[in-house]
Amino acid sequence: MTYIATQEVLDGKPVDKWKWSSPATPLDISAFSLIMARRSLSGSMIGGIAETQEMLDFCGKHNITADVEVIPIQKVNEAYDRLLKSDVKYRFCIDMASLKSA
């Protein structure tokens, strides 16, 4: 298991944060000890910025792309209506250049 220690500031005081990989067995953690020490425990299935960038670099290197439907911002309401009707084949991406003409 990999552990990474970082330090952040909460209410002007340094706070240690620990990050680790997924444990093989469930964690036995007391909620009260977290609350009293003003600690939190969170997780993510997608990783952080570094992992996301690594994935994007890999996709770029291997020409892996996503199927998307690019729409101008002016059609965002139409796209939402299509979502409600389940009339969507690909993920919608808003063309940010269309914001200039909005």
PDB file of N, CA and C in Angstrom:
ATOM      1  N   MET A   1       0.844  -1.176   0.000  1.00  0.00           N
ATOM      2  CA  MET A   1       0.000   0.000   0.000  1.00  0.00           C
ATOM      3  C   MET A   1       0.890   1.239   0.000  1.00  0.00           C
ATOM      4  N   THR A   2       0.526   2.234  -0.795  1.00  0.00           N
ATOM      5  CA  THR A   2       1.300   3.458  -0.914  1.00  0.00           C
ATOM      6  C   THR A   2       0.700   4.556  -0.044  1.00  0.00           C
ATOM      7  N   TYR A   3       1.533   5.210   0.748  1.00  0.00           N
ATOM      8  CA  TYR A   3       1.098   6.320   1.584  1.00  0.00           C
ATOM      9  C   TYR A   3       1.791   7.593   1.124  1.00  0.00           C
ATOM     10  N   ILE A   4       1.032   8.678   1.069  1.00  0.00           N
ATOM     11  CA  ILE A   4       1.611   9.978   0.719  1.00  0.00           C
ATOM     12  C   ILE A   4       1.142  10.974   1.775  1.00  0.00           C
ATOM     13  N   ALA A   5       2.053  11.639   2.415  1.00  0.00           N
ATOM     14  CA  ALA A   5       1.689  12.638   3.427  1.00  0.00           C
ATOM     15  C   ALA A   5       1.784  14.029   2.822  1.00  0.00           C
ATOM     16  N   THR A   6       0.749  14.839   3.045  1.00  0.00           N
ATOM     17  CA  THR A   6       0.777  16.237   2.611  1.00  0.00           C
ATOM     18  C   THR A   6       0.330  17.085   3.793  1.00  0.00           C
ATOM     19  N   GLN A   7       0.538  18.370   3.699  1.00  0.00           N
ATOM     20  CA  GLN A   7       0.126  19.248   4.783  1.00  0.00           C
ATOM     21  C   GLN A   7      -0.630  20.431   4.200  1.00  0.00           C
ATOM     22  N   GLU A   8      -1.793  20.724   4.781  1.00  0.00           N
ATOM     23  CA  GLU A   8      -2.591  21.866   4.380  1.00  0.00           C
ATOM     24  C   GLU A   8      -2.834  22.724   5.610  1.00  0.00           C
ATOM     25  N   VAL A   9      -3.453  23.872   5.408  1.00  0.00           N
ATOM     26  CA  VAL A   9      -3.730  24.773   6.517  1.00  0.00           C
ATOM     27  C   VAL A   9      -5.238  24.864   6.713  1.00  0.00           C
ATOM     28  N   LEU A  10      -5.701  24.653   7.945  1.00  0.00           N
ATOM     29  CA  LEU A  10      -7.104  24.759   8.306  1.00  0.00           C
ATOM     30  C   LEU A  10      -7.197  25.697   9.500  1.00  0.00           C
ATOM     31  N   ASP A  11      -7.944  26.761   9.341  1.00  0.00           N
ATOM     32  CA  ASP A  11      -8.078  27.767  10.406  1.00  0.00           C
ATOM     33  C   ASP A  11      -6.719  28.269  10.878  1.00  0.00           C
ATOM     34  N   GLY A  12      -5.799  28.458   9.954  1.00  0.00           N
ATOM     35  CA  GLY A  12      -4.487  28.995  10.280  1.00  0.00           C
ATOM     36  C   GLY A  12      -3.528  27.999  10.895  1.00  0.00           C
ATOM     37  N   LYS A  13      -3.938  26.731  11.021  1.00  0.00           N
ATOM     38  CA  LYS A  13      -3.084  25.709  11.621  1.00  0.00           C
ATOM     39  C   LYS A  13      -2.732  24.650  10.578  1.00  0.00           C
ATOM     40  N   PRO A  14      -1.488  24.172  10.557  1.00  0.00           N
ATOM     41  CA  PRO A  14      -1.135  23.114   9.617  1.00  0.00           C
ATOM     42  C   PRO A  14      -1.866  21.815   9.952  1.00  0.00           C
ATOM     43  N   VAL A  15      -2.331  21.150   8.926  1.00  0.00           N
ATOM     44  CA  VAL A  15      -3.069  19.902   9.088  1.00  0.00           C
ATOM     45  C   VAL A  15      -2.421  18.854   8.193  1.00  0.00           C
ATOM     46  N   ASP A  16      -2.073  17.717   8.767  1.00  0.00           N
ATOM     47  CA  ASP A  16      -1.506  16.631   7.979  1.00  0.00           C
ATOM     48  C   ASP A  16      -2.619  15.898   7.246  1.00  0.00           C
ATOM     49  N   LYS A  17      -2.372  15.591   5.976  1.00  0.00           N
ATOM     50  CA  LYS A  17      -3.310  14.797   5.182  1.00  0.00           C
ATOM     51  C   LYS A  17      -2.557  13.580   4.675  1.00  0.00           C
ATOM     52  N   TRP A  18      -3.231  12.463   4.702  1.00  0.00           N
ATOM     53  CA  TRP A  18      -2.624  11.229   4.201  1.00  0.00           C
ATOM     54  C   TRP A  18      -3.438  10.715   3.030  1.00  0.00           C
ATOM     55  N   LYS A  19      -2.757  10.262   2.002  1.00  0.00           N
ATOM     56  CA  LYS A  19      -3.411   9.658   0.849  1.00  0.00           C
ATOM     57  C   LYS A  19      -2.835   8.268   0.690  1.00  0.00           C
ATOM     58  N   TRP A  20      -3.673   7.294   0.406  1.00  0.00           N
ATOM     59  CA  TRP A  20      -3.162   5.951   0.204  1.00  0.00           C
ATOM     60  C   TRP A  20      -3.978   5.235  -0.858  1.00  0.00           C
ATOM     61  N   SER A  21      -3.408   4.165  -1.348  1.00  0.00           N
ATOM     62  CA  SER A  21      -4.117   3.369  -2.340  1.00  0.00           C
ATOM     63  C   SER A  21      -5.218   2.571  -1.658  1.00  0.00           C
ATOM     64  N   SER A  22      -6.060   1.969  -2.439  1.00  0.00           N
ATOM     65  CA  SER A  22      -7.187   1.210  -1.926  1.00  0.00           C
ATOM     66  C   SER A  22      -6.709   0.060  -1.042  1.00  0.00           C
ATOM     67  N   PRO A  23      -7.224  -0.034   0.187  1.00  0.00           N
ATOM     68  CA  PRO A  23      -6.795  -1.117   1.084  1.00  0.00           C
ATOM     69  C   PRO A  23      -7.403  -2.456   0.662  1.00  0.00           C
ATOM     70  N   ALA A  24      -6.725  -3.523   0.991  1.00  0.00           N
ATOM     71  CA  ALA A  24      -7.208  -4.867   0.656  1.00  0.00           C
ATOM     72  C   ALA A  24      -8.379  -5.277   1.539  1.00  0.00           C
ATOM     73  N   THR A  25      -8.450  -4.706   2.741  1.00  0.00           N
ATOM     74  CA  THR A  25      -9.542  -5.029   3.669  1.00  0.00           C
ATOM     75  C   THR A  25     -10.217  -3.727   4.089  1.00  0.00           C
ATOM     76  N   PRO A  26     -11.475  -3.797   4.559  1.00  0.00           N
ATOM     77  CA  PRO A  26     -12.166  -2.574   4.999  1.00  0.00           C
ATOM     78  C   PRO A  26     -11.414  -1.878   6.135  1.00  0.00           C
ATOM     79  N   LEU A  27     -11.500  -0.555   6.159  1.00  0.00           N
ATOM     80  CA  LEU A  27     -10.854   0.225   7.213  1.00  0.00           C
ATOM     81  C   LEU A  27     -11.748   0.287   8.442  1.00  0.00           C
ATOM     82  N   ASP A  28     -11.168   0.169   9.618  1.00  0.00           N
ATOM     83  CA  ASP A  28     -11.892   0.295  10.878  1.00  0.00           C
ATOM     84  C   ASP A  28     -11.511   1.641  11.472  1.00  0.00           C
ATOM     85  N   ILE A  29     -12.341   2.655  11.212  1.00  0.00           N
ATOM     86  CA  ILE A  29     -12.034   4.021  11.632  1.00  0.00           C
ATOM     87  C   ILE A  29     -13.175   4.560  12.480  1.00  0.00           C
ATOM     88  N   SER A  30     -12.846   5.175  13.602  1.00  0.00           N
ATOM     89  CA  SER A  30     -13.832   5.767  14.488  1.00  0.00           C
ATOM     90  C   SER A  30     -14.227   7.156  13.965  1.00  0.00           C
ATOM     91  N   ALA A  31     -15.503   7.322  13.672  1.00  0.00           N
ATOM     92  CA  ALA A  31     -15.990   8.618  13.196  1.00  0.00           C
ATOM     93  C   ALA A  31     -15.742   9.707  14.236  1.00  0.00           C
ATOM     94  N   PHE A  32     -15.926   9.374  15.519  1.00  0.00           N
ATOM     95  CA  PHE A  32     -15.748  10.354  16.587  1.00  0.00           C
ATOM     96  C   PHE A  32     -14.313  10.882  16.623  1.00  0.00           C
ATOM     97  N   SER A  33     -13.329  10.001  16.430  1.00  0.00           N
ATOM     98  CA  SER A  33     -11.941  10.467  16.453  1.00  0.00           C
ATOM     99  C   SER A  33     -11.657  11.392  15.259  1.00  0.00           C
ATOM    100  N   LEU A  34     -12.300  11.145  14.145  1.00  0.00           N
ATOM    101  CA  LEU A  34     -12.146  12.048  12.999  1.00  0.00           C
ATOM    102  C   LEU A  34     -12.771  13.409  13.289  1.00  0.00           C
ATOM    103  N   ILE A  35     -13.980  13.380  13.856  1.00  0.00           N
ATOM    104  CA  ILE A  35     -14.700  14.623  14.136  1.00  0.00           C
ATOM    105  C   ILE A  35     -13.947  15.475  15.156  1.00  0.00           C
ATOM    106  N   MET A  36     -13.515  14.858  16.259  1.00  0.00           N
ATOM    107  CA  MET A  36     -12.851  15.618  17.316  1.00  0.00           C
ATOM    108  C   MET A  36     -11.521  16.208  16.853  1.00  0.00           C
ATOM    109  N   ALA A  37     -10.849  15.539  15.939  1.00  0.00           N
ATOM    110  CA  ALA A  37      -9.564  16.039  15.441  1.00  0.00           C
ATOM    111  C   ALA A  37      -9.740  16.888  14.178  1.00  0.00           C
ATOM    112  N   ARG A  38     -11.007  17.116  13.785  1.00  0.00           N
ATOM    113  CA  ARG A  38     -11.320  17.877  12.569  1.00  0.00           C
ATOM    114  C   ARG A  38     -10.621  17.278  11.356  1.00  0.00           C
ATOM    115  N   ARG A  39     -10.691  15.961  11.253  1.00  0.00           N
ATOM    116  CA  ARG A  39     -10.102  15.230  10.136  1.00  0.00           C
ATOM    117  C   ARG A  39     -11.212  14.766   9.209  1.00  0.00           C
ATOM    118  N   SER A  40     -10.861  14.456   7.994  1.00  0.00           N
ATOM    119  CA  SER A  40     -11.834  13.906   7.059  1.00  0.00           C
ATOM    120  C   SER A  40     -11.197  12.771   6.280  1.00  0.00           C
ATOM    121  N   LEU A  41     -12.039  11.926   5.769  1.00  0.00           N
ATOM    122  CA  LEU A  41     -11.600  10.789   4.979  1.00  0.00           C
ATOM    123  C   LEU A  41     -12.431  10.813   3.705  1.00  0.00           C
ATOM    124  N   SER A  42     -11.772  10.804   2.573  1.00  0.00           N
ATOM    125  CA  SER A  42     -12.498  10.840   1.307  1.00  0.00           C
ATOM    126  C   SER A  42     -11.800   9.947   0.292  1.00  0.00           C
ATOM    127  N   GLY A  43     -12.487   9.666  -0.781  1.00  0.00           N
ATOM    128  CA  GLY A  43     -11.916   8.809  -1.808  1.00  0.00           C
ATOM    129  C   GLY A  43     -12.350   9.257  -3.194  1.00  0.00           C
ATOM    130  N   SER A  44     -11.671   8.722  -4.179  1.00  0.00           N
ATOM    131  CA  SER A  44     -11.985   9.058  -5.561  1.00  0.00           C
ATOM    132  C   SER A  44     -11.675   7.865  -6.442  1.00  0.00           C
ATOM    133  N   MET A  45     -12.574   7.555  -7.339  1.00  0.00           N
ATOM    134  CA  MET A  45     -12.355   6.463  -8.284  1.00  0.00           C
ATOM    135  C   MET A  45     -11.611   6.939  -9.534  1.00  0.00           C
ATOM    136  N   ILE A  46     -11.494   8.253  -9.715  1.00  0.00           N
ATOM    137  CA  ILE A  46     -10.899   8.758 -10.955  1.00  0.00           C
ATOM    138  C   ILE A  46      -9.481   9.267 -10.788  1.00  0.00           C
ATOM    139  N   GLY A  47      -8.976   9.352  -9.585  1.00  0.00           N
ATOM    140  CA  GLY A  47      -7.625   9.850  -9.385  1.00  0.00           C
ATOM    141  C   GLY A  47      -7.598  11.368  -9.344  1.00  0.00           C
ATOM    142  N   GLY A  48      -6.410  11.901  -9.289  1.00  0.00           N
ATOM    143  CA  GLY A  48      -6.245  13.348  -9.208  1.00  0.00           C
ATOM    144  C   GLY A  48      -5.808  13.940 -10.537  1.00  0.00           C
ATOM    145  N   ILE A  49      -5.324  15.164 -10.479  1.00  0.00           N
ATOM    146  CA  ILE A  49      -4.907  15.879 -11.683  1.00  0.00           C
ATOM    147  C   ILE A  49      -3.765  15.154 -12.384  1.00  0.00           C
ATOM    148  N   ALA A  50      -2.793  14.670 -11.644  1.00  0.00           N
ATOM    149  CA  ALA A  50      -1.642  13.992 -12.258  1.00  0.00           C
ATOM    150  C   ALA A  50      -2.079  12.734 -12.999  1.00  0.00           C
ATOM    151  N   GLU A  51      -2.963  11.938 -12.383  1.00  0.00           N
ATOM    152  CA  GLU A  51      -3.439  10.718 -13.036  1.00  0.00           C
ATOM    153  C   GLU A  51      -4.275  11.043 -14.269  1.00  0.00           C
ATOM    154  N   THR A  52      -5.090  12.078 -14.178  1.00  0.00           N
ATOM    155  CA  THR A  52      -5.897  12.488 -15.329  1.00  0.00           C
ATOM    156  C   THR A  52      -5.005  12.927 -16.478  1.00  0.00           C
ATOM    157  N   GLN A  53      -3.963  13.705 -16.176  1.00  0.00           N
ATOM    158  CA  GLN A  53      -3.047  14.155 -17.220  1.00  0.00           C
ATOM    159  C   GLN A  53      -2.310  12.972 -17.839  1.00  0.00           C
ATOM    160  N   GLU A  54      -1.907  12.010 -17.008  1.00  0.00           N
ATOM    161  CA  GLU A  54      -1.235  10.811 -17.511  1.00  0.00           C
ATOM    162  C   GLU A  54      -2.150  10.046 -18.481  1.00  0.00           C
ATOM    163  N   MET A  55      -3.424   9.935 -18.132  1.00  0.00           N
ATOM    164  CA  MET A  55      -4.385   9.254 -18.995  1.00  0.00           C
ATOM    165  C   MET A  55      -4.568  10.015 -20.309  1.00  0.00           C
ATOM    166  N   LEU A  56      -4.675  11.348 -20.249  1.00  0.00           N
ATOM    167  CA  LEU A  56      -4.821  12.144 -21.465  1.00  0.00           C
ATOM    168  C   LEU A  56      -3.587  12.043 -22.348  1.00  0.00           C
ATOM    169  N   ASP A  57      -2.396  12.052 -21.745  1.00  0.00           N
ATOM    170  CA  ASP A  57      -1.158  11.893 -22.512  1.00  0.00           C
ATOM    171  C   ASP A  57      -1.124  10.532 -23.198  1.00  0.00           C
ATOM    172  N   PHE A  58      -1.537   9.488 -22.484  1.00  0.00           N
ATOM    173  CA  PHE A  58      -1.567   8.133 -23.047  1.00  0.00           C
ATOM    174  C   PHE A  58      -2.535   8.084 -24.236  1.00  0.00           C
ATOM    175  N   CYS A  59      -3.709   8.666 -24.056  1.00  0.00           N
ATOM    176  CA  CYS A  59      -4.696   8.673 -25.138  1.00  0.00           C
ATOM    177  C   CYS A  59      -4.180   9.432 -26.348  1.00  0.00           C
ATOM    178  N   GLY A  60      -3.526  10.568 -26.128  1.00  0.00           N
ATOM    179  CA  GLY A  60      -2.960  11.334 -27.233  1.00  0.00           C
ATOM    180  C   GLY A  60      -1.882  10.567 -27.969  1.00  0.00           C
ATOM    181  N   LYS A  61      -1.036   9.895 -27.216  1.00  0.00           N
ATOM    182  CA  LYS A  61       0.063   9.126 -27.816  1.00  0.00           C
ATOM    183  C   LYS A  61      -0.465   7.971 -28.665  1.00  0.00           C
ATOM    184  N   HIS A  62      -1.569   7.355 -28.235  1.00  0.00           N
ATOM    185  CA  HIS A  62      -2.099   6.177 -28.914  1.00  0.00           C
ATOM    186  C   HIS A  62      -3.333   6.483 -29.769  1.00  0.00           C
ATOM    187  N   ASN A  63      -3.595   7.767 -29.998  1.00  0.00           N
ATOM    188  CA  ASN A  63      -4.715   8.217 -30.834  1.00  0.00           C
ATOM    189  C   ASN A  63      -6.054   7.635 -30.368  1.00  0.00           C
ATOM    190  N   ILE A  64      -6.263   7.628 -29.060  1.00  0.00           N
ATOM    191  CA  ILE A  64      -7.526   7.183 -28.487  1.00  0.00           C
ATOM    192  C   ILE A  64      -8.394   8.422 -28.303  1.00  0.00           C
ATOM    193  N   THR A  65      -9.558   8.416 -28.907  1.00  0.00           N
ATOM    194  CA  THR A  65     -10.437   9.582 -28.856  1.00  0.00           C
ATOM    195  C   THR A  65     -11.808   9.191 -28.316  1.00  0.00           C
ATOM    196  N   ALA A  66     -12.605  10.179 -28.034  1.00  0.00           N
ATOM    197  CA  ALA A  66     -13.970   9.960 -27.550  1.00  0.00           C
ATOM    198  C   ALA A  66     -14.951  10.388 -28.635  1.00  0.00           C
ATOM    199  N   ASP A  67     -16.075   9.702 -28.697  1.00  0.00           N
ATOM    200  CA  ASP A  67     -17.151  10.106 -29.597  1.00  0.00           C
ATOM    201  C   ASP A  67     -18.000  11.130 -28.861  1.00  0.00           C
ATOM    202  N   VAL A  68     -18.069  12.333 -29.398  1.00  0.00           N
ATOM    203  CA  VAL A  68     -18.825  13.416 -28.773  1.00  0.00           C
ATOM    204  C   VAL A  68     -19.655  14.133 -29.824  1.00  0.00           C
ATOM    205  N   GLU A  69     -20.663  14.824 -29.354  1.00  0.00           N
ATOM    206  CA  GLU A  69     -21.453  15.706 -30.212  1.00  0.00           C
ATOM    207  C   GLU A  69     -21.179  17.124 -29.742  1.00  0.00           C
ATOM    208  N   VAL A  70     -20.517  17.899 -30.591  1.00  0.00           N
ATOM    209  CA  VAL A  70     -20.174  19.283 -30.246  1.00  0.00           C
ATOM    210  C   VAL A  70     -21.364  20.172 -30.579  1.00  0.00           C
ATOM    211  N   ILE A  71     -21.776  20.963 -29.601  1.00  0.00           N
ATOM    212  CA  ILE A  71     -22.913  21.864 -29.802  1.00  0.00           C
ATOM    213  C   ILE A  71     -22.512  23.287 -29.425  1.00  0.00           C
ATOM    214  N   PRO A  72     -23.131  24.278 -30.073  1.00  0.00           N
ATOM    215  CA  PRO A  72     -22.894  25.664 -29.638  1.00  0.00           C
ATOM    216  C   PRO A  72     -23.687  25.922 -28.354  1.00  0.00           C
ATOM    217  N   ILE A  73     -23.258  26.878 -27.597  1.00  0.00           N
ATOM    218  CA  ILE A  73     -23.925  27.208 -26.333  1.00  0.00           C
ATOM    219  C   ILE A  73     -25.396  27.564 -26.565  1.00  0.00           C
ATOM    220  N   GLN A  74     -25.709  28.097 -27.735  1.00  0.00           N
ATOM    221  CA  GLN A  74     -27.088  28.484 -28.039  1.00  0.00           C
ATOM    222  C   GLN A  74     -28.023  27.278 -28.086  1.00  0.00           C
ATOM    223  N   LYS A  75     -27.506  26.063 -28.238  1.00  0.00           N
ATOM    224  CA  LYS A  75     -28.340  24.862 -28.310  1.00  0.00           C
ATOM    225  C   LYS A  75     -28.308  24.029 -27.031  1.00  0.00           C
ATOM    226  N   VAL A  76     -27.864  24.632 -25.935  1.00  0.00           N
ATOM    227  CA  VAL A  76     -27.750  23.876 -24.692  1.00  0.00           C
ATOM    228  C   VAL A  76     -29.123  23.446 -24.169  1.00  0.00           C
ATOM    229  N   ASN A  77     -30.146  24.273 -24.331  1.00  0.00           N
ATOM    230  CA  ASN A  77     -31.490  23.890 -23.877  1.00  0.00           C
ATOM    231  C   ASN A  77     -32.035  22.741 -24.719  1.00  0.00           C
ATOM    232  N   GLU A  78     -31.786  22.792 -26.024  1.00  0.00           N
ATOM    233  CA  GLU A  78     -32.189  21.699 -26.909  1.00  0.00           C
ATOM    234  C   GLU A  78     -31.472  20.401 -26.510  1.00  0.00           C
ATOM    235  N   ALA A  79     -30.202  20.510 -26.192  1.00  0.00           N
ATOM    236  CA  ALA A  79     -29.440  19.339 -25.767  1.00  0.00           C
ATOM    237  C   ALA A  79     -30.010  18.765 -24.466  1.00  0.00           C
ATOM    238  N   TYR A  80     -30.388  19.631 -23.549  1.00  0.00           N
ATOM    239  CA  TYR A  80     -30.982  19.175 -22.286  1.00  0.00           C
ATOM    240  C   TYR A  80     -32.302  18.448 -22.541  1.00  0.00           C
ATOM    241  N   ASP A  81     -33.133  19.005 -23.424  1.00  0.00           N
ATOM    242  CA  ASP A  81     -34.391  18.341 -23.774  1.00  0.00           C
ATOM    243  C   ASP A  81     -34.122  16.964 -24.371  1.00  0.00           C
ATOM    244  N   ARG A  82     -33.107  16.856 -25.203  1.00  0.00           N
ATOM    245  CA  ARG A  82     -32.750  15.565 -25.787  1.00  0.00           C
ATOM    246  C   ARG A  82     -32.295  14.579 -24.714  1.00  0.00           C
ATOM    247  N   LEU A  83     -31.574  15.075 -23.707  1.00  0.00           N
ATOM    248  CA  LEU A  83     -31.175  14.206 -22.593  1.00  0.00           C
ATOM    249  C   LEU A  83     -32.405  13.631 -21.894  1.00  0.00           C
ATOM    250  N   LEU A  84     -33.385  14.480 -21.644  1.00  0.00           N
ATOM    251  CA  LEU A  84     -34.598  14.043 -20.966  1.00  0.00           C
ATOM    252  C   LEU A  84     -35.357  12.999 -21.785  1.00  0.00           C
ATOM    253  N   LYS A  85     -35.266  13.098 -23.116  1.00  0.00           N
ATOM    254  CA  LYS A  85     -35.962  12.156 -24.008  1.00  0.00           C
ATOM    255  C   LYS A  85     -35.114  10.926 -24.326  1.00  0.00           C
ATOM    256  N   SER A  86     -33.920  10.832 -23.757  1.00  0.00           N
ATOM    257  CA  SER A  86     -32.977   9.731 -24.052  1.00  0.00           C
ATOM    258  C   SER A  86     -32.639   9.674 -25.539  1.00  0.00           C
ATOM    259  N   ASP A  87     -32.541  10.843 -26.156  1.00  0.00           N
ATOM    260  CA  ASP A  87     -32.216  10.948 -27.579  1.00  0.00           C
ATOM    261  C   ASP A  87     -30.762  11.395 -27.746  1.00  0.00           C
ATOM    262  N   VAL A  88     -29.864  10.741 -27.031  1.00  0.00           N
ATOM    263  CA  VAL A  88     -28.460  11.133 -27.061  1.00  0.00           C
ATOM    264  C   VAL A  88     -27.618   9.901 -27.350  1.00  0.00           C
ATOM    265  N   LYS A  89     -26.789   9.995 -28.379  1.00  0.00           N
ATOM    266  CA  LYS A  89     -25.921   8.863 -28.711  1.00  0.00           C
ATOM    267  C   LYS A  89     -24.518   9.069 -28.123  1.00  0.00           C
ATOM    268  N   TYR A  90     -24.047  10.320 -28.108  1.00  0.00           N
ATOM    269  CA  TYR A  90     -22.706  10.637 -27.632  1.00  0.00           C
ATOM    270  C   TYR A  90     -22.795  11.707 -26.551  1.00  0.00           C
ATOM    271  N   ARG A  91     -21.706  11.899 -25.856  1.00  0.00           N
ATOM    272  CA  ARG A  91     -21.628  12.938 -24.838  1.00  0.00           C
ATOM    273  C   ARG A  91     -21.634  14.308 -25.513  1.00  0.00           C
ATOM    274  N   PHE A  92     -22.380  15.255 -24.951  1.00  0.00           N
ATOM    275  CA  PHE A  92     -22.396  16.616 -25.479  1.00  0.00           C
ATOM    276  C   PHE A  92     -21.157  17.373 -25.000  1.00  0.00           C
ATOM    277  N   CYS A  93     -20.551  18.120 -25.887  1.00  0.00           N
ATOM    278  CA  CYS A  93     -19.463  19.039 -25.548  1.00  0.00           C
ATOM    279  C   CYS A  93     -19.831  20.398 -26.107  1.00  0.00           C
ATOM    280  N   ILE A  94     -19.760  21.409 -25.282  1.00  0.00           N
ATOM    281  CA  ILE A  94     -20.109  22.763 -25.716  1.00  0.00           C
ATOM    282  C   ILE A  94     -18.894  23.414 -26.364  1.00  0.00           C
ATOM    283  N   ASP A  95     -19.094  23.936 -27.558  1.00  0.00           N
ATOM    284  CA  ASP A  95     -18.035  24.659 -28.278  1.00  0.00           C
ATOM    285  C   ASP A  95     -17.869  26.015 -27.596  1.00  0.00           C
ATOM    286  N   MET A  96     -16.772  26.180 -26.874  1.00  0.00           N
ATOM    287  CA  MET A  96     -16.569  27.412 -26.105  1.00  0.00           C
ATOM    288  C   MET A  96     -16.431  28.639 -26.986  1.00  0.00           C
ATOM    289  N   ALA A  97     -16.047  28.465 -28.252  1.00  0.00           N
ATOM    290  CA  ALA A  97     -15.964  29.610 -29.175  1.00  0.00           C
ATOM    291  C   ALA A  97     -17.353  30.216 -29.412  1.00  0.00           C
ATOM    292  N   SER A  98     -18.396  29.405 -29.233  1.00  0.00           N
ATOM    293  CA  SER A  98     -19.761  29.905 -29.454  1.00  0.00           C
ATOM    294  C   SER A  98     -20.194  30.882 -28.357  1.00  0.00           C
ATOM    295  N   LEU A  99     -19.472  30.956 -27.260  1.00  0.00           N
ATOM    296  CA  LEU A  99     -19.803  31.896 -26.194  1.00  0.00           C
ATOM    297  C   LEU A  99     -19.651  33.346 -26.663  1.00  0.00           C
ATOM    298  N   LYS A 100     -18.728  33.582 -27.582  1.00  0.00           N
ATOM    299  CA  LYS A 100     -18.484  34.937 -28.072  1.00  0.00           C
ATOM    300  C   LYS A 100     -19.690  35.489 -28.821  1.00  0.00           C
ATOM    301  N   SER A 101     -20.467  34.599 -29.467  1.00  0.00           N
ATOM    302  CA  SER A 101     -21.610  35.060 -30.241  1.00  0.00           C
ATOM    303  C   SER A 101     -22.908  34.943 -29.470  1.00  0.00           C
ATOM    304  N   ALA A 102     -22.824  34.554 -28.205  1.00  0.00           N
ATOM    305  CA  ALA A 102     -24.044  34.374 -27.400  1.00  0.00           C
ATOM    306  C   ALA A 102     -24.595  35.705 -26.934  1.00  0.00           C
TER     307      ALA A 102
END
